[in-house]
Protein backbone atom coordinates (compact mmCIF):
# COMPACT_ATOMS: atom_id res chain seq x y z
CA UNK A 1 -31.89 19.11 -46.90
CA UNK A 2 -34.50 16.52 -47.63
CA UNK A 3 -35.20 15.96 -44.04
CA UNK A 4 -35.48 19.52 -43.29
CA UNK A 5 -38.04 20.00 -46.23
CA UNK A 6 -40.21 16.62 -44.90
CA UNK A 7 -40.33 18.24 -41.60
CA UNK A 8 -41.55 21.43 -42.46
CA UNK A 9 -43.89 19.95 -44.98
CA UNK A 10 -45.61 18.38 -41.87
CA UNK A 11 -46.07 21.51 -40.08
CA UNK A 12 -47.62 23.10 -43.13
CA UNK A 13 -49.83 20.05 -43.47
CA UNK A 14 -51.21 20.97 -39.86
CA UNK A 15 -51.65 24.72 -40.31
CA UNK A 16 -52.08 24.96 -43.92
CA UNK A 17 -50.04 27.13 -46.36
CA UNK A 18 -52.40 30.21 -45.75
CA UNK A 19 -52.02 30.82 -42.09
CA UNK A 20 -48.02 31.21 -42.04
CA UNK A 21 -48.11 33.69 -44.70
CA UNK A 22 -51.10 35.88 -43.10
CA UNK A 23 -49.36 35.45 -39.75
CA UNK A 24 -46.15 36.55 -40.94
CA UNK A 25 -47.64 39.80 -42.54
CA UNK A 26 -49.71 40.23 -39.41
CA UNK A 27 -46.73 40.24 -37.15
CA UNK A 28 -44.64 42.72 -39.35
CA UNK A 29 -46.55 45.91 -37.81
CA UNK A 30 -45.17 44.99 -34.34
CA UNK A 31 -41.64 45.18 -35.97
CA UNK A 32 -42.52 48.63 -37.73
CA UNK A 33 -44.23 50.64 -35.12
CA UNK A 34 -41.63 50.78 -32.43
CA UNK A 35 -38.86 52.13 -34.81
CA UNK A 36 -41.44 54.05 -37.07
CA UNK A 37 -43.00 55.91 -34.03
CA UNK A 38 -39.53 57.21 -33.28
CA UNK A 39 -38.62 58.08 -36.68
CA UNK A 40 -42.01 59.75 -36.96
CA UNK A 41 -42.03 61.92 -33.80
CA UNK A 42 -38.33 62.79 -34.15
CA UNK A 43 -39.34 64.27 -37.90
CA UNK A 44 -42.42 66.10 -36.96
CA UNK A 45 -41.49 67.27 -33.56
CA UNK A 46 -37.65 67.98 -34.14
CA UNK A 47 -36.87 66.36 -30.74
CA UNK A 48 -35.20 63.09 -29.92
CA UNK A 49 -36.29 63.45 -26.57
CA UNK A 50 -40.22 63.31 -27.11
CA UNK A 51 -39.52 60.56 -29.66
CA UNK A 52 -37.74 58.58 -27.10
CA UNK A 53 -40.83 59.47 -24.63
CA UNK A 54 -43.44 58.32 -27.29
CA UNK A 55 -41.31 55.09 -28.16
CA UNK A 56 -40.78 54.45 -24.38
CA UNK A 57 -44.54 54.50 -23.83
CA UNK A 58 -45.54 52.33 -26.78
CA UNK A 59 -43.07 49.75 -25.23
CA UNK A 60 -44.54 49.87 -22.06
CA UNK A 61 -48.08 49.53 -23.19
CA UNK A 62 -46.97 46.41 -25.03
CA UNK A 63 -45.20 44.82 -21.90
CA UNK A 64 -47.78 45.53 -19.33
CA UNK A 65 -50.95 44.62 -21.36
CA UNK A 66 -49.50 41.63 -23.43
CA UNK A 67 -50.11 39.28 -20.93
CA UNK A 68 -53.42 40.71 -20.45
CA UNK A 69 -54.54 40.18 -24.13
CA UNK A 70 -52.91 36.72 -24.11
CA UNK A 71 -55.11 35.83 -20.76
CA UNK A 72 -58.33 36.96 -22.72
CA UNK A 73 -57.43 34.82 -25.71
CA UNK A 74 -57.03 31.72 -23.22
CA UNK A 75 -60.41 32.39 -21.95
CA UNK A 76 -62.35 33.82 -24.84
CA UNK A 77 -60.65 32.42 -28.04
CA UNK A 78 -58.27 34.16 -30.20
CA UNK A 79 -60.76 35.28 -32.75
CA UNK A 80 -62.45 37.75 -30.69
CA UNK A 81 -59.49 39.23 -29.15
CA UNK A 82 -57.45 39.61 -32.06
CA UNK A 83 -60.33 41.26 -33.96
CA UNK A 84 -60.90 43.83 -31.33
CA UNK A 85 -57.04 44.38 -30.80
CA UNK A 86 -56.33 44.68 -34.79
CA UNK A 87 -59.24 47.22 -35.10
CA UNK A 88 -57.99 49.16 -32.00
CA UNK A 89 -54.31 48.99 -32.92
CA UNK A 90 -54.91 50.22 -36.64
CA UNK A 91 -57.08 53.17 -35.40
CA UNK A 92 -54.48 54.08 -32.75
CA UNK A 93 -51.84 53.76 -35.23
CA UNK A 94 -53.65 56.10 -37.57
CA UNK A 95 -54.27 58.76 -34.46
CA UNK A 96 -50.43 58.72 -33.71
CA UNK A 97 -49.75 59.59 -37.19
CA UNK A 98 -52.21 62.22 -37.42
CA UNK A 99 -51.29 63.58 -33.92
CA UNK A 100 -47.45 63.55 -34.93
CA UNK A 101 -48.35 65.46 -38.30
CA UNK A 102 -50.48 67.93 -36.23
CA UNK A 103 -47.97 68.72 -33.73
CA UNK A 104 -49.93 67.80 -30.55
CA UNK A 105 -48.25 67.87 -27.23
CA UNK A 106 -45.78 65.47 -26.06
CA UNK A 107 -48.36 63.97 -23.20
CA UNK A 108 -51.40 63.20 -25.56
CA UNK A 109 -48.87 61.79 -28.45
CA UNK A 110 -47.36 59.47 -25.35
CA UNK A 111 -50.87 58.33 -24.43
CA UNK A 112 -51.65 57.46 -27.77
CA UNK A 113 -48.37 55.48 -27.91
CA UNK A 114 -49.36 53.90 -24.97
CA UNK A 115 -52.45 52.72 -26.68
CA UNK A 116 -50.67 51.64 -29.62
CA UNK A 117 -48.57 49.40 -27.75
CA UNK A 118 -51.27 48.20 -25.36
CA UNK A 119 -53.41 46.95 -28.45
CA UNK A 120 -50.52 45.19 -30.43
CA UNK A 121 -52.41 42.03 -31.38
CA UNK A 122 -49.79 39.52 -30.13
CA UNK A 123 -49.85 37.53 -33.57
CA UNK A 124 -46.38 35.87 -32.81
CA UNK A 125 -47.22 34.44 -29.46
CA UNK A 126 -50.96 33.52 -30.51
CA UNK A 127 -49.67 31.89 -33.74
CA UNK A 128 -47.27 29.65 -31.89
CA UNK A 129 -50.06 28.81 -29.34
CA UNK A 130 -52.37 28.12 -32.32
CA UNK A 131 -49.86 25.96 -34.22
CA UNK A 132 -48.74 23.82 -31.06
CA UNK A 133 -52.39 23.18 -30.44
CA UNK A 134 -52.71 22.05 -34.06
CA UNK A 135 -49.70 19.85 -33.96
CA UNK A 136 -50.98 17.88 -30.42
CA UNK A 137 -54.76 18.03 -31.67
CA UNK A 138 -53.33 15.80 -34.57
CA UNK A 139 -51.17 13.80 -32.25
CA UNK A 140 -47.95 14.93 -33.91
CA UNK A 141 -44.62 13.67 -32.34
CA UNK A 142 -42.21 16.21 -30.50
CA UNK A 143 -39.96 16.55 -33.60
CA UNK A 144 -43.09 18.44 -35.35
CA UNK A 145 -43.70 20.34 -32.38
CA UNK A 146 -39.92 21.33 -32.24
CA UNK A 147 -40.19 22.54 -35.87
CA UNK A 148 -43.46 24.63 -35.29
CA UNK A 149 -41.42 26.58 -32.59
CA UNK A 150 -38.51 26.84 -35.22
CA UNK A 151 -40.69 27.90 -38.03
CA UNK A 152 -42.33 30.69 -35.69
CA UNK A 153 -39.08 31.81 -34.45
CA UNK A 154 -37.67 32.27 -38.14
CA UNK A 155 -40.73 34.33 -39.06
CA UNK A 156 -40.17 36.53 -35.80
CA UNK A 157 -36.69 37.21 -36.68
CA UNK A 158 -37.38 37.91 -40.54
CA UNK A 159 -40.15 40.32 -39.58
CA UNK A 160 -37.89 42.06 -37.56
CA UNK A 161 -35.19 42.39 -40.27
CA UNK A 162 -38.07 43.59 -42.98
CA UNK A 163 -39.98 45.87 -40.74
CA UNK A 164 -37.35 48.20 -39.81
CA UNK A 165 -36.01 48.10 -43.33
CA UNK A 166 -39.47 49.12 -44.72
CA UNK A 167 -39.73 51.85 -42.04
CA UNK A 168 -36.11 53.04 -43.26
CA UNK A 169 -36.99 52.95 -46.91
CA UNK A 170 -40.26 54.95 -46.66
CA UNK A 171 -38.63 57.49 -44.36
CA UNK A 172 -35.82 57.75 -47.11
CA UNK A 173 -38.11 58.00 -50.30
CA UNK A 174 -41.06 59.66 -48.76
CA UNK A 175 -41.75 60.24 -45.05
CA UNK A 176 -42.02 58.13 -41.68
CA UNK A 177 -45.83 58.93 -41.58
CA UNK A 178 -46.14 56.59 -44.88
CA UNK A 179 -44.42 53.87 -42.79
CA UNK A 180 -46.65 54.00 -39.82
CA UNK A 181 -49.72 54.43 -41.89
CA UNK A 182 -48.81 51.23 -43.91
CA UNK A 183 -48.29 49.45 -40.50
CA UNK A 184 -51.84 50.51 -39.46
CA UNK A 185 -53.27 48.98 -43.15
CA UNK A 186 -51.22 45.82 -42.50
CA UNK A 187 -52.63 45.22 -38.99
CA UNK A 188 -56.24 45.88 -40.08
CA UNK A 189 -55.96 43.47 -43.04
CA UNK A 190 -53.97 40.47 -41.84
CA UNK A 191 -54.62 40.66 -38.13
CA UNK A 192 -58.31 40.31 -39.35
CA UNK A 193 -57.39 37.63 -41.69
CA UNK A 194 -55.48 35.80 -39.02
CA UNK A 195 -58.23 35.95 -36.43
CA UNK A 196 -60.69 34.59 -39.21
CA UNK A 197 -58.86 31.79 -40.38
CA UNK A 198 -60.53 28.57 -39.63
CA UNK A 199 -57.37 27.34 -37.54
CA UNK A 200 -59.01 29.86 -34.95
CA UNK A 201 -61.50 27.10 -33.88
CA UNK A 202 -58.54 25.16 -31.98
CA UNK A 203 -57.97 28.16 -29.72
CA UNK A 204 -61.73 28.93 -28.88
CA UNK A 205 -60.91 29.32 -25.37
CA UNK A 206 -62.57 28.38 -22.25
CA UNK A 207 -62.69 28.68 -18.45
CA UNK A 208 -59.82 27.71 -16.60
CA UNK A 209 -60.14 23.91 -15.18
CA UNK A 210 -61.96 23.57 -12.19
CA UNK A 211 -60.04 22.60 -9.06
CA UNK A 212 -61.31 20.71 -6.11
CA UNK A 213 -62.17 23.18 -3.30
CA UNK A 214 -59.33 24.19 -1.08
CA UNK A 215 -56.79 23.30 -3.90
CA UNK A 216 -54.47 26.17 -5.10
CA UNK A 217 -53.64 26.38 -8.82
CA UNK A 218 -50.63 24.61 -9.85
CA UNK A 219 -47.82 27.11 -10.35
CA UNK A 220 -45.84 26.83 -13.53
CA UNK A 221 -42.57 24.83 -13.17
CA UNK A 222 -39.57 27.14 -11.89
CA UNK A 223 -38.07 26.77 -15.41
CA UNK A 224 -40.85 28.99 -16.78
CA UNK A 225 -40.05 31.80 -14.68
CA UNK A 226 -36.15 31.59 -15.41
CA UNK A 227 -36.97 31.41 -19.09
CA UNK A 228 -38.82 34.58 -18.90
CA UNK A 229 -35.80 36.42 -17.23
CA UNK A 230 -33.50 34.77 -19.80
CA UNK A 231 -35.61 36.44 -22.33
CA UNK A 232 -35.52 39.59 -20.54
CA UNK A 233 -31.73 39.31 -20.80
CA UNK A 234 -31.97 38.55 -24.18
CA UNK A 235 -33.99 41.91 -24.97
CA UNK A 236 -30.99 43.72 -22.97
CA UNK A 237 -28.60 42.24 -25.34
CA UNK A 238 -30.56 43.64 -28.28
CA UNK A 239 -30.75 46.91 -26.65
CA UNK A 240 -27.19 47.29 -26.13
CA UNK A 241 -26.38 46.05 -29.61
CA UNK A 242 -28.58 48.57 -31.02
CA UNK A 243 -27.06 51.52 -29.11
CA UNK A 244 -23.48 50.11 -29.78
CA UNK A 245 -23.89 49.83 -33.39
CA UNK A 246 -25.40 53.22 -33.57
CA UNK A 247 -22.75 54.74 -31.47
CA UNK A 248 -19.84 53.04 -33.60
CA UNK A 249 -21.36 53.68 -36.97
CA UNK A 250 -21.78 57.36 -35.93
CA UNK A 251 -18.02 57.42 -34.86
CA UNK A 252 -16.97 56.03 -38.12
CA UNK A 253 -19.10 58.36 -39.97
CA UNK A 254 -21.38 56.02 -41.42
CA UNK A 255 -24.49 56.17 -39.36
CA UNK A 256 -26.57 54.95 -42.24
CA UNK A 257 -24.96 51.55 -41.91
CA UNK A 258 -26.38 50.88 -38.50
CA UNK A 259 -29.55 49.42 -39.79
CA UNK A 260 -27.92 47.10 -42.37
CA UNK A 261 -25.64 45.85 -39.64
CA UNK A 262 -28.39 44.99 -37.17
CA UNK A 263 -30.11 43.24 -40.21
CA UNK A 264 -27.13 41.15 -41.02
CA UNK A 265 -27.62 39.64 -37.65
CA UNK A 266 -31.16 39.09 -38.20
CA UNK A 267 -30.75 37.24 -41.39
CA UNK A 268 -28.33 34.83 -40.12
CA UNK A 269 -30.43 34.36 -36.76
CA UNK A 270 -33.55 33.35 -39.17
CA UNK A 271 -31.29 31.02 -41.01
CA UNK A 272 -30.04 29.22 -38.22
CA UNK A 273 -33.59 28.93 -36.64
CA UNK A 274 -34.93 27.25 -39.42
CA UNK A 275 -32.17 24.57 -39.41
CA UNK A 276 -32.76 24.36 -35.60
CA UNK A 277 -35.92 22.59 -36.64
CA UNK A 278 -34.19 19.16 -37.83
CA UNK A 279 -31.84 19.00 -34.81
CA UNK A 280 -31.85 15.28 -33.56
CA UNK A 281 -34.08 14.83 -30.32
CA UNK A 282 -31.04 13.71 -28.32
CA UNK A 283 -30.00 17.42 -28.39
CA UNK A 284 -32.63 18.33 -25.35
CA UNK A 285 -33.90 21.38 -24.42
CA UNK A 286 -31.45 22.14 -21.58
CA UNK A 287 -28.43 21.56 -23.66
CA UNK A 288 -30.04 23.84 -26.46
CA UNK A 289 -30.53 26.67 -23.77
CA UNK A 290 -27.03 26.29 -22.29
CA UNK A 291 -25.32 26.09 -25.58
CA UNK A 292 -27.06 29.06 -27.07
CA UNK A 293 -26.34 31.22 -23.96
CA UNK A 294 -22.77 30.23 -24.03
CA UNK A 295 -22.43 31.06 -27.84
CA UNK A 296 -23.86 34.32 -27.20
CA UNK A 297 -21.40 35.25 -24.55
CA UNK A 298 -18.37 33.90 -26.43
CA UNK A 299 -19.38 35.70 -29.85
CA UNK A 300 -20.52 39.13 -27.98
CA UNK A 301 -17.28 39.53 -26.27
CA UNK A 302 -15.38 40.61 -29.39
CA UNK A 303 -17.71 43.59 -29.54
CA UNK A 304 -16.05 45.38 -26.70
CA UNK A 305 -13.06 45.58 -28.84
CA UNK A 306 -14.52 46.38 -32.22
CA UNK A 307 -13.36 49.97 -33.91
CA UNK A 308 -13.96 48.90 -37.58
CA UNK A 309 -16.97 48.78 -39.67
CA UNK A 310 -15.78 45.35 -41.37
CA UNK A 311 -15.17 43.92 -37.99
CA UNK A 312 -18.44 45.12 -36.89
CA UNK A 313 -20.44 43.57 -39.55
CA UNK A 314 -18.14 40.29 -38.96
CA UNK A 315 -18.84 39.97 -35.18
CA UNK A 316 -22.69 40.80 -35.27
CA UNK A 317 -23.25 38.77 -38.24
CA UNK A 318 -21.83 35.80 -36.13
CA UNK A 319 -23.53 36.62 -33.28
CA UNK A 320 -26.96 36.10 -34.93
CA UNK A 321 -26.14 32.40 -34.96
CA UNK A 322 -26.65 32.34 -31.25
CA UNK A 323 -30.04 34.29 -31.17
CA UNK A 324 -32.59 32.45 -32.67
CA UNK A 325 -31.65 29.09 -30.86
CA UNK A 326 -31.91 30.69 -27.41
CA UNK A 327 -35.55 32.46 -28.69
CA UNK A 328 -36.85 29.01 -30.17
CA UNK A 329 -35.68 27.08 -27.03
CA UNK A 330 -37.30 29.27 -24.76
CA UNK A 331 -40.61 29.45 -26.26
CA UNK A 332 -40.34 25.66 -26.39
CA UNK A 333 -39.63 25.59 -22.68
CA UNK A 334 -42.41 27.63 -21.83
CA UNK A 335 -44.94 25.50 -23.74
CA UNK A 336 -43.57 22.35 -22.46
CA UNK A 337 -44.06 23.40 -18.72
CA UNK A 338 -47.21 25.54 -18.66
CA UNK A 339 -50.80 24.35 -18.23
CA UNK A 340 -52.44 24.42 -21.88
CA UNK A 341 -55.14 26.64 -20.77
CA UNK A 342 -52.88 29.18 -19.83
CA UNK A 343 -50.45 28.90 -22.94
CA UNK A 344 -51.18 32.22 -24.85
CA UNK A 345 -50.98 33.88 -21.60
CA UNK A 346 -47.46 32.46 -20.93
CA UNK A 347 -46.42 32.90 -24.67
CA UNK A 348 -47.19 36.92 -24.17
CA UNK A 349 -45.38 37.14 -20.98
CA UNK A 350 -42.30 35.52 -22.47
CA UNK A 351 -42.85 37.79 -25.39
CA UNK A 352 -43.25 40.97 -23.13
CA UNK A 353 -40.11 40.09 -21.26
CA UNK A 354 -38.06 40.48 -24.11
CA UNK A 355 -39.42 43.72 -24.98
CA UNK A 356 -39.07 44.80 -21.43
CA UNK A 357 -35.52 44.04 -21.40
CA UNK A 358 -34.83 45.77 -24.65
CA UNK A 359 -36.51 48.85 -23.66
CA UNK A 360 -34.61 49.20 -20.41
CA UNK A 361 -31.38 48.32 -21.88
CA UNK A 362 -31.64 50.93 -24.80
CA UNK A 363 -31.98 53.45 -21.94
CA UNK A 364 -29.04 52.26 -19.91
CA UNK A 365 -26.73 51.67 -22.97
CA UNK A 366 -27.55 55.07 -24.72
CA UNK A 367 -26.11 56.75 -21.49
CA UNK A 368 -23.21 54.13 -21.53
CA UNK A 369 -22.36 55.03 -25.14
CA UNK A 370 -22.31 58.80 -24.09
CA UNK A 371 -20.23 58.41 -21.38
CA UNK A 372 -17.75 55.40 -22.43
CA UNK A 373 -18.24 55.30 -26.25
CA UNK A 374 -19.74 52.28 -28.06
CA UNK A 375 -17.85 49.60 -25.87
CA UNK A 376 -19.95 50.96 -22.85
CA UNK A 377 -22.90 50.23 -24.78
CA UNK A 378 -21.98 46.72 -25.80
CA UNK A 379 -20.69 46.03 -22.34
CA UNK A 380 -24.61 45.96 -21.49
CA UNK A 381 -24.91 43.35 -24.06
CA UNK A 382 -21.92 41.14 -22.90
CA UNK A 383 -23.06 41.53 -19.16
CA UNK A 384 -26.61 40.27 -20.08
CA UNK A 385 -25.44 37.13 -22.04
CA UNK A 386 -23.11 36.29 -19.09
CA UNK A 387 -26.12 36.38 -16.71
CA UNK A 388 -28.07 34.57 -19.26
CA UNK A 389 -25.47 31.67 -19.22
CA UNK A 390 -25.23 31.65 -15.51
CA UNK A 391 -29.01 31.43 -15.32
CA UNK A 392 -29.37 28.54 -17.94
CA UNK A 393 -26.69 26.86 -15.81
CA UNK A 394 -28.35 27.15 -12.50
CA UNK A 395 -31.94 26.10 -13.83
CA UNK A 396 -33.14 22.58 -13.28
CA UNK A 397 -34.96 21.57 -16.43
CA UNK A 398 -37.47 18.62 -16.24
CA UNK A 399 -36.87 16.15 -18.52
CA UNK A 400 -40.46 15.31 -19.28
CA UNK A 401 -43.47 17.64 -20.20
CA UNK A 402 -45.38 18.98 -16.94
CA UNK A 403 -48.59 18.57 -18.78
CA UNK A 404 -49.37 15.91 -21.24
CA UNK A 405 -50.00 16.40 -24.73
CA UNK A 406 -53.77 15.05 -23.98
CA UNK A 407 -54.53 18.31 -22.24
CA UNK A 408 -54.11 20.06 -25.78
CA UNK A 409 -57.22 18.18 -26.90
CA UNK A 410 -60.68 19.29 -26.32
CA UNK A 411 -62.42 17.40 -23.68
CA UNK A 412 -65.23 16.09 -26.00
CA UNK A 413 -62.37 14.29 -28.25
CA UNK A 414 -60.98 12.33 -25.03
CA UNK A 415 -63.97 11.67 -23.10
CA UNK A 416 -64.28 8.21 -24.28
CA UNK A 417 -62.91 5.54 -27.02
CA UNK A 418 -65.95 5.92 -28.94
CA UNK A 419 -65.83 9.60 -28.80
CA UNK A 420 -62.26 9.72 -29.69
CA UNK A 421 -62.83 7.61 -32.61
CA UNK A 422 -65.59 9.89 -33.85
CA UNK A 423 -63.58 12.88 -33.30
CA UNK A 424 -60.45 11.49 -35.33
CA UNK A 425 -61.75 13.22 -38.53
CA UNK A 426 -61.90 16.34 -36.76
CA UNK A 427 -58.43 16.15 -35.73
CA UNK A 428 -57.47 15.39 -39.26
CA UNK A 429 -59.27 18.71 -40.31
CA UNK A 430 -56.60 20.75 -38.54
CA UNK A 431 -54.31 19.59 -41.37
CA UNK A 432 -56.26 18.26 -44.50
CA UNK A 433 -59.33 20.42 -44.47
CA UNK A 434 -57.50 23.55 -43.44
CA UNK A 435 -54.73 23.16 -45.67
CA UNK A 436 -57.17 23.76 -48.57
CA UNK A 437 -57.90 27.19 -47.49
């Protein structure tokens, strides 16, 4: 316990206490907008089909434009990109609420949904990128970098538990429009605060490194592409679970329990993810990836035979123990094997892969649930888990970083020993000075 506290104390010393707080509330709207938009449009239009179309275009916008925003952040810095995206997202979300309440047609409503998705400020991927840059700039060891990934993964998990819960509560006591309006306010306030936080200086961006004429850009290691597909399969697991849980709780006559069951999965996932930050270094990323995918398959198979609410609670809760380790390891592998100058883009690609898998699996598993009942939807999750395990076993994971940690440090700090000595106070600023703000 003491070791866990000390490890995360080092992470907070790098980022300052305010950055995790701001980034957590800035990523809540992402978790609220997808679920909230479906509830809002279903409530105002009376059509689940229309709600599904709007939710689908929102996901599509995020999948297609997420990597674009990441690349812009790599080139121009996080501050201008997040400020612009947060403003557009807040306005588009407000327009979605106004359009739904005004009863506009499906096509323009879907177009607004696409803008909402396309302008998601990518706080999760960008916060990872920023915190990793702070860690390398301060020359922190790999255990601290690992703890950064664990903390960011835990905040993602908690946000995806609390976000839908807030939407559900708002819809119950008032109207879904209240929840979506709250999401717009959160992204405007906390997205802006994240962009303006002093630590944004370490992700100021810059042109891609110049290469000799005739030399092609180095492609990321093959493991990066495998990880993206693994995250797509993880998203498919989420989609199958959501449809299966909704189908089974509906059959049991307790549809209101669906959100609580899914939240239990996220709570356990977040707790295990936090503990992962102090796992000894001898448990390398390759072993963690394979262990997590094997556990996901083993723990998901019982879903196929679940027929009671309490059994569903038990199995889904236990399954949460495999979720965060896979997500955290996948993002850590991405960070270790892509060029630092393309890290935000690569993190965005990873996040978009997850969203894409979830969206496609939801459409498939919903149909499977109609044809074969809850087990049909859960079969999508189990199949995705099996493919993820095969992928992790067949992928060669390099033992060392593909790019040195020095690449994360601005050139003016590594130009010469003298420059390095002069810059060391600035490196310390990433922790001490920022921590006071």
